[in-house]
Amino acid sequence: MGGAFEAAWVQLQAGIARKLGQRPATSSPRVVVGLLGRGIQASRTPAMHEYEGARLGLAYAYVLIDFDELGLADGDLGAVIDQAERLGFAGLNVTHPFKQSVLDYLDGLSPEAATIGAVNTIVFGNGRRTGHNTDSWGFAEAFREGLTGVRLGSVVQFGAGGGGAAVAHALLASGVGMLTLCDTDAARAQALAQRLGQRFGQQVRAVEDAVAHLAAADGVVNATPRGMHKYPGMPIPAAALEARHWVADIVYFPEETELLRLARRLGCRTLPGTRMAIYQAVKAFEHFTGIAPDRTAMMAHFGAAA
């Protein structure tokens, strides 16, 4: 591999050694995981996992494999996964922009991940790489707790990538009557609509211009990176949002995106991406360790990592 790849792993291994060196010598067993993505330096996921691992007496190290920070190309994805497996990682979390491209490097998928067509958690074990999707469960739990009683007749969702596929699955499973998908890649939105339509029936469609559908929608979901520090702005024109809409955003850094600020100003019920981020980590931790973590503790860890 090239110099950038080798340098990246020297840096990552030093980080792992430093993290494990800070744990008590008696801590056991050793668990090493990482997060694959771009522009992820603000992620609180490592802290959530490490704090919960320490609480449970594990020697737990979680490293960021930020392709931007490490100077890696998208084409290095397969080699990165190979290297993590060789070094004894328990698994990897996956975020933007790799949740779908990572499928090419896996040996199998959980049933939910196969239906969604995206993976955010890879578990290494018994010589196999198994892809899971904990985003969908995480969003469903967050939605159930944070937007109880909202109308589900019609929802417009922006974004049909890896995160969007998981959220769309969760919305339909939660009882949304009609889900309208819009993505900058129209073919991707159409493919997701067809896949989910086969699973849930004729209650999902893809459109190229979703703004016109907002007038009849009960809820609006941002499942794009728009609103992240790296991608500021909103996925919709401000004038299209109304006070009667409920608004969910999967972006969690920053916690209050421009879209959510506008929605709160209008009086909309809102759901930030924080609770989805916490709950996906709860399920991923269980996949990596075989131990069900305490979700209340994980929420506290998330807050402490701010």
Protein backbone atom coordinates (compact mmCIF):
# COMPACT_ATOMS: atom_id res chain seq x y z
CA MET A 1 0.00 0.00 0.00
CA GLY A 2 1.02 3.64 -0.39
CA GLY A 3 2.76 5.84 2.12
CA ALA A 4 -0.45 7.54 3.28
CA PHE A 5 -2.00 4.17 4.16
CA GLU A 6 1.04 2.99 6.09
CA ALA A 7 1.34 6.31 7.92
CA ALA A 8 -2.36 6.17 8.81
CA TRP A 9 -1.97 2.79 10.49
CA VAL A 10 1.10 3.82 12.41
CA GLN A 11 -0.95 6.72 13.76
CA LEU A 12 -3.98 4.55 14.53
CA GLN A 13 -1.96 1.85 16.27
CA ALA A 14 -0.26 4.48 18.41
CA GLY A 15 -3.69 5.78 19.37
CA ILE A 16 -4.88 2.29 20.31
CA ALA A 17 -1.78 1.64 22.41
CA ARG A 18 -2.24 4.99 24.16
CA LYS A 19 -5.90 4.30 24.92
CA LEU A 20 -5.28 0.78 26.21
CA GLY A 21 -2.31 2.01 28.21
CA GLN A 22 -4.63 4.31 30.13
CA ARG A 23 -6.75 1.34 31.28
CA PRO A 24 -5.95 -0.57 34.47
CA ALA A 25 -3.66 -3.53 33.82
CA THR A 26 -6.27 -5.91 35.23
CA SER A 27 -8.97 -4.80 32.80
CA SER A 28 -10.24 -7.69 30.68
CA PRO A 29 -11.06 -8.59 28.00
CA ARG A 30 -9.49 -6.33 25.36
CA VAL A 31 -11.88 -4.80 22.80
CA VAL A 32 -10.73 -2.62 19.91
CA VAL A 33 -13.16 -1.05 17.45
CA GLY A 34 -13.13 1.89 15.05
CA LEU A 35 -15.33 4.25 13.07
CA LEU A 36 -14.93 4.53 9.29
CA GLY A 37 -15.97 7.82 7.71
CA ARG A 38 -15.02 11.29 6.54
CA GLY A 39 -15.11 14.48 8.59
CA ILE A 40 -15.84 12.63 11.83
CA GLN A 41 -13.51 14.35 14.30
CA ALA A 42 -16.49 15.74 16.26
CA SER A 43 -18.03 12.29 16.77
CA ARG A 44 -18.93 11.38 20.35
CA THR A 45 -19.24 7.69 19.53
CA PRO A 46 -15.72 6.76 20.71
CA ALA A 47 -16.33 8.31 24.12
CA MET A 48 -19.70 6.59 24.51
CA HIS A 49 -18.19 3.18 23.80
CA GLU A 50 -15.07 3.68 25.87
CA TYR A 51 -16.88 5.07 28.93
CA GLU A 52 -19.36 2.19 28.86
CA GLY A 53 -16.56 -0.32 28.32
CA ALA A 54 -14.71 1.07 31.34
CA ARG A 55 -17.89 0.98 33.42
CA LEU A 56 -18.21 -2.71 32.58
CA GLY A 57 -14.54 -3.45 33.31
CA LEU A 58 -13.41 -3.87 29.71
CA ALA A 59 -10.13 -2.73 28.17
CA TYR A 60 -11.96 -0.87 25.41
CA ALA A 61 -10.32 1.28 22.72
CA TYR A 62 -12.33 3.03 20.03
CA VAL A 63 -10.45 4.92 17.29
CA LEU A 64 -11.58 7.26 14.55
CA ILE A 65 -10.54 6.14 11.06
CA ASP A 66 -11.23 9.49 9.44
CA PHE A 67 -10.33 9.24 5.76
CA ASP A 68 -10.10 13.04 5.52
CA GLU A 69 -7.81 13.39 8.51
CA LEU A 70 -5.61 10.44 7.50
CA GLY A 71 -5.37 11.37 3.82
CA LEU A 72 -6.96 8.13 2.63
CA ALA A 73 -8.83 7.67 -0.65
CA ASP A 74 -12.22 6.00 -1.00
CA GLY A 75 -10.40 3.19 -2.80
CA ASP A 76 -8.55 2.37 0.43
CA LEU A 77 -11.78 1.20 2.10
CA GLY A 78 -11.25 -2.51 1.46
CA ALA A 79 -7.62 -2.38 2.61
CA VAL A 80 -8.62 -0.55 5.78
CA ILE A 81 -11.16 -3.24 6.63
CA ASP A 82 -8.59 -5.96 5.88
CA GLN A 83 -6.07 -4.31 8.17
CA ALA A 84 -8.55 -3.84 11.01
CA GLU A 85 -9.48 -7.51 10.85
CA ARG A 86 -5.80 -8.59 10.79
CA LEU A 87 -5.05 -6.42 13.84
CA GLY A 88 -7.77 -8.11 15.88
CA PHE A 89 -10.47 -5.43 15.90
CA ALA A 90 -13.79 -6.71 17.26
CA GLY A 91 -15.49 -4.73 14.51
CA LEU A 92 -16.06 -1.36 12.91
CA ASN A 93 -18.77 1.23 12.83
CA VAL A 94 -19.39 2.86 9.45
CA THR A 95 -20.68 6.33 8.68
CA HIS A 96 -20.89 8.78 5.76
CA PRO A 97 -19.99 8.15 2.97
CA PHE A 98 -19.32 4.39 3.26
CA LYS A 99 -22.53 2.79 4.56
CA GLN A 100 -23.40 1.33 1.15
CA SER A 101 -20.01 0.97 -0.53
CA VAL A 102 -18.84 -1.15 2.41
CA LEU A 103 -21.23 -3.94 1.34
CA ASP A 104 -18.70 -5.07 -1.26
CA TYR A 105 -16.24 -6.08 1.45
CA LEU A 106 -18.51 -8.19 3.68
CA ASP A 107 -19.21 -11.92 3.88
CA GLY A 108 -22.81 -11.65 5.07
CA LEU A 109 -25.57 -9.33 6.25
CA SER A 110 -28.13 -9.47 9.02
CA PRO A 111 -31.69 -9.71 7.68
CA GLU A 112 -32.40 -6.05 8.51
CA ALA A 113 -29.18 -4.82 6.88
CA ALA A 114 -30.00 -6.85 3.77
CA THR A 115 -33.45 -5.25 3.52
CA ILE A 116 -32.11 -1.75 4.13
CA GLY A 117 -29.14 -2.16 1.81
CA ALA A 118 -26.77 -0.31 4.14
CA VAL A 119 -24.47 -1.20 7.02
CA ASN A 120 -23.24 0.88 9.94
CA THR A 121 -21.77 -1.95 12.03
CA ILE A 122 -19.34 -4.68 10.97
CA VAL A 123 -18.56 -7.55 13.32
CA PHE A 124 -15.45 -9.68 12.83
CA GLY A 125 -15.67 -13.27 14.05
CA ASN A 126 -15.04 -16.85 13.02
CA GLY A 127 -13.26 -15.68 9.90
CA ARG A 128 -16.29 -13.75 8.69
CA ARG A 129 -17.30 -10.12 8.35
CA THR A 130 -20.98 -9.65 9.12
CA GLY A 131 -22.77 -6.38 8.41
CA HIS A 132 -25.52 -5.07 10.69
CA ASN A 133 -27.65 -1.94 10.67
CA THR A 134 -28.23 -0.44 14.11
CA ASP A 135 -29.21 2.97 12.68
CA SER A 136 -32.73 1.78 11.92
CA TRP A 137 -33.34 0.45 15.42
CA GLY A 138 -31.73 3.55 16.87
CA PHE A 139 -33.97 5.92 14.90
CA ALA A 140 -37.09 3.86 15.65
CA GLU A 141 -36.39 4.01 19.39
CA ALA A 142 -35.64 7.72 19.27
CA PHE A 143 -38.78 8.41 17.22
CA ARG A 144 -40.96 6.36 19.57
CA GLU A 145 -39.72 8.26 22.60
CA GLY A 146 -39.28 11.74 21.14
CA LEU A 147 -42.25 12.19 18.82
CA THR A 148 -44.99 10.25 20.55
CA GLY A 149 -48.43 10.79 19.07
CA VAL A 150 -47.45 12.67 15.90
CA ARG A 151 -49.46 12.17 12.74
CA LEU A 152 -47.99 9.54 10.40
CA GLY A 153 -50.20 9.88 7.35
CA SER A 154 -47.55 11.37 5.07
CA VAL A 155 -43.84 12.01 5.60
CA VAL A 156 -41.28 13.58 3.28
CA GLN A 157 -37.72 12.39 3.75
CA PHE A 158 -34.66 14.01 2.23
CA GLY A 159 -31.79 11.59 1.70
CA ALA A 160 -31.76 8.01 0.44
CA GLY A 161 -28.16 7.07 1.18
CA GLY A 162 -27.01 4.69 3.89
CA GLY A 163 -28.49 6.63 6.80
CA GLY A 164 -31.58 7.51 4.80
CA ALA A 165 -32.26 3.88 3.94
CA ALA A 166 -32.17 2.94 7.62
CA VAL A 167 -34.45 5.81 8.62
CA ALA A 168 -36.93 5.08 5.83
CA HIS A 169 -37.13 1.47 6.99
CA ALA A 170 -37.76 2.62 10.56
CA LEU A 171 -40.45 5.11 9.52
CA LEU A 172 -42.37 2.55 7.51
CA ALA A 173 -42.07 -0.01 10.29
CA SER A 174 -43.40 2.65 12.68
CA GLY A 175 -46.60 3.00 10.64
CA VAL A 176 -46.05 5.88 8.21
CA GLY A 177 -48.82 5.75 5.63
CA MET A 178 -46.98 7.34 2.69
CA LEU A 179 -43.26 8.00 2.62
CA THR A 180 -41.94 10.33 -0.08
CA LEU A 181 -38.20 10.09 -0.73
CA CYS A 182 -36.02 12.69 -2.38
CA ASP A 183 -32.28 12.50 -3.01
CA THR A 184 -29.76 14.35 -5.14
CA ASP A 185 -29.19 10.95 -6.76
CA ALA A 186 -32.66 10.25 -8.20
CA ALA A 187 -31.75 6.69 -9.19
CA ARG A 188 -30.69 5.90 -5.63
CA ALA A 189 -33.99 7.20 -4.25
CA GLN A 190 -35.93 5.18 -6.80
CA ALA A 191 -34.00 2.00 -5.99
CA LEU A 192 -34.66 2.47 -2.26
CA ALA A 193 -38.36 3.11 -2.89
CA GLN A 194 -38.64 -0.08 -4.92
CA ARG A 195 -36.77 -2.15 -2.34
CA LEU A 196 -38.82 -0.87 0.59
CA GLY A 197 -42.02 -1.04 -1.44
CA GLN A 198 -41.50 -4.77 -1.83
CA ARG A 199 -41.06 -5.10 1.93
CA PHE A 200 -43.83 -2.76 3.10
CA GLY A 201 -46.25 -2.53 0.20
CA GLN A 202 -47.20 0.47 -1.92
CA GLN A 203 -46.56 3.18 0.64
CA VAL A 204 -43.25 4.60 -0.51
CA ARG A 205 -42.36 6.66 -3.58
CA ALA A 206 -39.38 8.56 -4.95
CA VAL A 207 -39.69 12.05 -6.41
CA GLU A 208 -37.16 14.48 -7.84
CA ASP A 209 -38.75 17.58 -6.29
CA ALA A 210 -40.17 16.92 -2.85
CA VAL A 211 -40.91 20.53 -1.91
CA ALA A 212 -44.32 20.39 -3.58
CA HIS A 213 -45.22 17.40 -1.39
CA LEU A 214 -44.48 19.23 1.86
CA ALA A 215 -47.81 21.04 1.74
CA ALA A 216 -49.64 17.75 2.34
CA ALA A 217 -47.05 16.19 4.65
CA ASP A 218 -47.32 15.68 8.40
CA GLY A 219 -43.60 15.30 8.97
CA VAL A 220 -40.23 16.17 7.47
CA VAL A 221 -37.04 14.16 7.95
CA ASN A 222 -33.52 15.21 7.07
CA ALA A 223 -31.47 12.07 6.43
CA THR A 224 -28.76 13.88 4.45
CA PRO A 225 -25.45 15.25 5.79
CA ARG A 226 -26.85 18.76 5.28
CA GLY A 227 -26.54 20.58 8.56
CA MET A 228 -23.25 18.99 9.62
CA HIS A 229 -20.33 21.35 10.25
CA LYS A 230 -18.83 20.14 6.97
CA TYR A 231 -22.12 20.59 5.05
CA PRO A 232 -23.91 23.66 6.45
CA GLY A 233 -27.41 24.64 5.40
CA MET A 234 -30.81 22.96 5.09
CA PRO A 235 -32.22 20.38 2.67
CA ILE A 236 -35.37 22.47 2.05
CA PRO A 237 -36.23 26.12 1.46
CA ALA A 238 -37.14 27.83 4.74
CA ALA A 239 -40.48 28.98 3.34
CA ALA A 240 -41.59 25.36 2.79
CA LEU A 241 -41.68 24.52 6.51
CA GLU A 242 -44.86 25.12 8.51
CA ALA A 243 -45.62 25.10 12.21
CA ARG A 244 -47.88 22.05 11.82
CA HIS A 245 -44.98 19.89 10.58
CA TRP A 246 -42.95 17.72 12.92
CA VAL A 247 -39.27 17.66 11.98
CA ALA A 248 -36.62 15.00 12.59
CA ASP A 249 -32.93 15.35 11.78
CA ILE A 250 -30.34 12.58 11.91
CA VAL A 251 -27.41 15.00 12.10
CA TYR A 252 -26.13 15.23 15.67
CA PHE A 253 -23.03 17.39 15.40
CA PRO A 254 -24.09 20.08 15.78
CA GLU A 255 -27.06 18.94 17.86
CA GLU A 256 -29.14 21.92 16.72
CA THR A 257 -28.90 22.16 12.97
CA GLU A 258 -30.13 25.11 10.96
CA LEU A 259 -33.23 23.08 10.08
CA LEU A 260 -34.04 22.35 13.71
CA ARG A 261 -33.47 25.97 14.72
CA LEU A 262 -35.99 27.09 12.11
CA ALA A 263 -38.47 24.37 13.13
CA ARG A 264 -38.30 25.30 16.80
CA ARG A 265 -38.70 28.96 15.95
CA LEU A 266 -41.89 28.09 14.05
CA GLY A 267 -43.20 25.95 16.92
CA CYS A 268 -42.78 22.55 15.24
CA ARG A 269 -42.22 19.42 17.31
CA THR A 270 -38.66 18.34 16.69
CA LEU A 271 -36.38 15.35 17.07
CA PRO A 272 -32.61 15.97 16.96
CA GLY A 273 -30.19 13.28 15.87
CA THR A 274 -28.65 12.83 19.31
CA ARG A 275 -30.89 10.05 20.58
CA MET A 276 -30.53 8.07 17.35
CA ALA A 277 -26.75 8.45 17.70
CA ILE A 278 -26.92 7.12 21.25
CA TYR A 279 -29.24 4.22 20.51
CA GLN A 280 -27.38 3.02 17.43
CA ALA A 281 -24.29 2.92 19.67
CA VAL A 282 -26.18 0.91 22.30
CA LYS A 283 -26.96 -1.82 19.79
CA ALA A 284 -23.51 -1.67 18.15
CA PHE A 285 -21.80 -2.07 21.54
CA GLU A 286 -23.83 -5.22 22.09
CA HIS A 287 -22.81 -6.58 18.69
CA PHE A 288 -19.12 -5.91 19.41
CA THR A 289 -19.00 -7.30 22.94
CA GLY A 290 -21.96 -9.63 23.38
CA ILE A 291 -22.94 -7.50 26.39
CA ALA A 292 -26.10 -5.37 26.44
CA PRO A 293 -25.06 -1.91 27.71
CA ASP A 294 -27.16 0.37 29.90
CA ARG A 295 -28.84 2.91 27.62
CA THR A 296 -29.24 5.42 30.44
CA ALA A 297 -25.53 5.20 31.11
CA MET A 298 -24.82 5.63 27.40
CA MET A 299 -26.87 8.83 27.40
CA ALA A 300 -24.79 10.12 30.29
CA HIS A 301 -21.61 9.19 28.42
CA PHE A 302 -22.84 11.10 25.37
CA GLY A 303 -23.40 14.21 27.48
CA ALA A 304 -20.03 13.88 29.17
CA ALA A 305 -18.32 13.75 25.78
CA ALA A 306 -19.62 17.18 24.76
